Amino acid sequence: MQISNFKDNTPLYPPLLRGELKGGIVHRASCIVHRERAGFTLIEIIVVVFILALLVAIVAPNIIGRTDEARIKAAKVQIKNFETALKL
């Protein structure tokens, strides 16, 4: 039983995948060229890590600088609270 195209009755698989070659028959297992992809390549992982590091390098200084400003504002609010408490 051969799987074929319904219109012109040509096989759907190329000759190498059917086990045929010009000179004769070829073992099907040796004709498989591509295997299924099971995971990520090393290059893909390196690119993702580089992009994440770049984002952290851009965002981290902004966040770190803001903590000092927040401490200063909190201290000013506490001083105002002490002033109002002393006035009473």
C-alpha atoms as a PDB file:
ATOM      1  CA  MET A   1       0.000   0.000   0.000  1.00  0.00           C
ATOM      2  CA  GLN A   2       1.539   3.260  -1.119  1.00  0.00           C
ATOM      3  CA  ILE A   3       0.391   6.692   0.036  1.00  0.00           C
ATOM      4  CA  SER A   4      -0.011   8.942  -2.960  1.00  0.00           C
ATOM      5  CA  ASN A   5      -1.389  12.253  -4.119  1.00  0.00           C
ATOM      6  CA  PHE A   6      -5.015  11.874  -5.239  1.00  0.00           C
ATOM      7  CA  LYS A   7      -4.786  14.173  -8.291  1.00  0.00           C
ATOM      8  CA  ASP A   8      -1.912  12.714 -10.286  1.00  0.00           C
ATOM      9  CA  ASN A   9      -1.191   9.534  -8.263  1.00  0.00           C
ATOM     10  CA  THR A  10       2.399  10.599  -7.462  1.00  0.00           C
ATOM     11  CA  PRO A  11       3.892   9.498  -4.132  1.00  0.00           C
ATOM     12  CA  LEU A  12       3.808  12.026  -1.311  1.00  0.00           C
ATOM     13  CA  TYR A  13       7.237  11.017   0.010  1.00  0.00           C
ATOM     14  CA  PRO A  14      10.496  11.701  -1.856  1.00  0.00           C
ATOM     15  CA  PRO A  15      12.442   8.664  -3.114  1.00  0.00           C
ATOM     16  CA  LEU A  16      14.965   8.690  -0.264  1.00  0.00           C
ATOM     17  CA  LEU A  17      12.253   8.449   2.390  1.00  0.00           C
ATOM     18  CA  ARG A  18      10.548   5.623   0.492  1.00  0.00           C
ATOM     19  CA  GLY A  19      13.817   3.683   0.505  1.00  0.00           C
ATOM     20  CA  GLU A  20      14.571   4.103  -3.197  1.00  0.00           C
ATOM     21  CA  LEU A  21      17.619   5.537  -4.918  1.00  0.00           C
ATOM     22  CA  LYS A  22      18.778   5.664  -8.549  1.00  0.00           C
ATOM     23  CA  GLY A  23      21.067   2.634  -8.188  1.00  0.00           C
ATOM     24  CA  GLY A  24      18.792   0.452  -6.101  1.00  0.00           C
ATOM     25  CA  ILE A  25      17.218   0.169  -2.677  1.00  0.00           C
ATOM     26  CA  VAL A  26      18.569   2.055   0.321  1.00  0.00           C
ATOM     27  CA  HIS A  27      17.933   1.191   3.954  1.00  0.00           C
ATOM     28  CA  ARG A  28      15.248   3.565   5.313  1.00  0.00           C
ATOM     29  CA  ALA A  29      16.967   4.207   8.662  1.00  0.00           C
ATOM     30  CA  SER A  30      20.031   5.638   6.920  1.00  0.00           C
ATOM     31  CA  CYS A  31      17.862   8.028   4.872  1.00  0.00           C
ATOM     32  CA  ILE A  32      16.489   9.980   7.782  1.00  0.00           C
ATOM     33  CA  VAL A  33      18.265  13.321   7.597  1.00  0.00           C
ATOM     34  CA  HIS A  34      16.594  15.403  10.308  1.00  0.00           C
ATOM     35  CA  ARG A  35      15.789  14.294  13.809  1.00  0.00           C
ATOM     36  CA  GLU A  36      13.161  15.791  16.069  1.00  0.00           C
ATOM     37  CA  ARG A  37      14.330  18.817  18.069  1.00  0.00           C
ATOM     38  CA  ALA A  38      14.367  17.887  21.740  1.00  0.00           C
ATOM     39  CA  GLY A  39      15.481  21.176  23.303  1.00  0.00           C
ATOM     40  CA  PHE A  40      17.262  24.476  22.895  1.00  0.00           C
ATOM     41  CA  THR A  41      20.679  24.931  21.363  1.00  0.00           C
ATOM     42  CA  LEU A  42      23.543  26.473  23.282  1.00  0.00           C
ATOM     43  CA  ILE A  43      23.465  29.578  21.083  1.00  0.00           C
ATOM     44  CA  GLU A  44      19.771  30.161  21.835  1.00  0.00           C
ATOM     45  CA  ILE A  45      20.392  29.928  25.579  1.00  0.00           C
ATOM     46  CA  ILE A  46      23.373  32.299  25.377  1.00  0.00           C
ATOM     47  CA  VAL A  47      21.315  34.858  23.440  1.00  0.00           C
ATOM     48  CA  VAL A  48      18.495  34.749  26.011  1.00  0.00           C
ATOM     49  CA  VAL A  49      20.930  35.123  28.924  1.00  0.00           C
ATOM     50  CA  PHE A  50      22.618  38.059  27.165  1.00  0.00           C
ATOM     51  CA  ILE A  51      19.282  39.829  26.618  1.00  0.00           C
ATOM     52  CA  LEU A  52      18.273  39.318  30.260  1.00  0.00           C
ATOM     53  CA  ALA A  53      21.643  40.612  31.473  1.00  0.00           C
ATOM     54  CA  LEU A  54      21.282  43.670  29.244  1.00  0.00           C
ATOM     55  CA  LEU A  55      17.837  44.423  30.676  1.00  0.00           C
ATOM     56  CA  VAL A  56      19.102  44.031  34.231  1.00  0.00           C
ATOM     57  CA  ALA A  57      22.029  46.349  33.471  1.00  0.00           C
ATOM     58  CA  ILE A  58      19.619  49.011  32.234  1.00  0.00           C
ATOM     59  CA  VAL A  59      16.954  48.684  34.959  1.00  0.00           C
ATOM     60  CA  ALA A  60      19.058  47.933  38.062  1.00  0.00           C
ATOM     61  CA  PRO A  61      20.731  51.356  38.441  1.00  0.00           C
ATOM     62  CA  ASN A  62      17.328  53.055  38.349  1.00  0.00           C
ATOM     63  CA  ILE A  63      15.924  50.799  41.057  1.00  0.00           C
ATOM     64  CA  ILE A  64      19.012  51.010  43.265  1.00  0.00           C
ATOM     65  CA  GLY A  65      19.073  54.800  43.035  1.00  0.00           C
ATOM     66  CA  ARG A  66      15.407  55.035  44.020  1.00  0.00           C
ATOM     67  CA  THR A  67      15.913  53.244  47.344  1.00  0.00           C
ATOM     68  CA  ASP A  68      18.124  56.048  48.627  1.00  0.00           C
ATOM     69  CA  GLU A  69      15.512  58.625  47.654  1.00  0.00           C
ATOM     70  CA  ALA A  70      12.825  56.612  49.427  1.00  0.00           C
ATOM     71  CA  ARG A  71      14.898  56.470  52.633  1.00  0.00           C
ATOM     72  CA  ILE A  72      15.418  60.230  52.534  1.00  0.00           C
ATOM     73  CA  LYS A  73      11.688  60.879  52.065  1.00  0.00           C
ATOM     74  CA  ALA A  74      10.817  58.483  54.894  1.00  0.00           C
ATOM     75  CA  ALA A  75      13.280  60.247  57.203  1.00  0.00           C
ATOM     76  CA  LYS A  76      11.780  63.668  56.333  1.00  0.00           C
ATOM     77  CA  VAL A  77       8.275  62.391  57.112  1.00  0.00           C
ATOM     78  CA  GLN A  78       9.457  61.028  60.455  1.00  0.00           C
ATOM     79  CA  ILE A  79      11.080  64.377  61.327  1.00  0.00           C
ATOM     80  CA  LYS A  80       7.814  66.192  60.518  1.00  0.00           C
ATOM     81  CA  ASN A  81       5.926  63.728  62.695  1.00  0.00           C
ATOM     82  CA  PHE A  82       8.321  64.398  65.605  1.00  0.00           C
ATOM     83  CA  GLU A  83       7.891  68.163  65.109  1.00  0.00           C
ATOM     84  CA  THR A  84       4.101  67.913  65.240  1.00  0.00           C
ATOM     85  CA  ALA A  85       4.317  65.645  68.274  1.00  0.00           C
ATOM     86  CA  LEU A  86       6.544  68.162  70.107  1.00  0.00           C
ATOM     87  CA  LYS A  87       4.187  71.039  69.344  1.00  0.00           C
ATOM     88  CA  LEU A  88       1.344  69.297  71.141  1.00  0.00           C
END
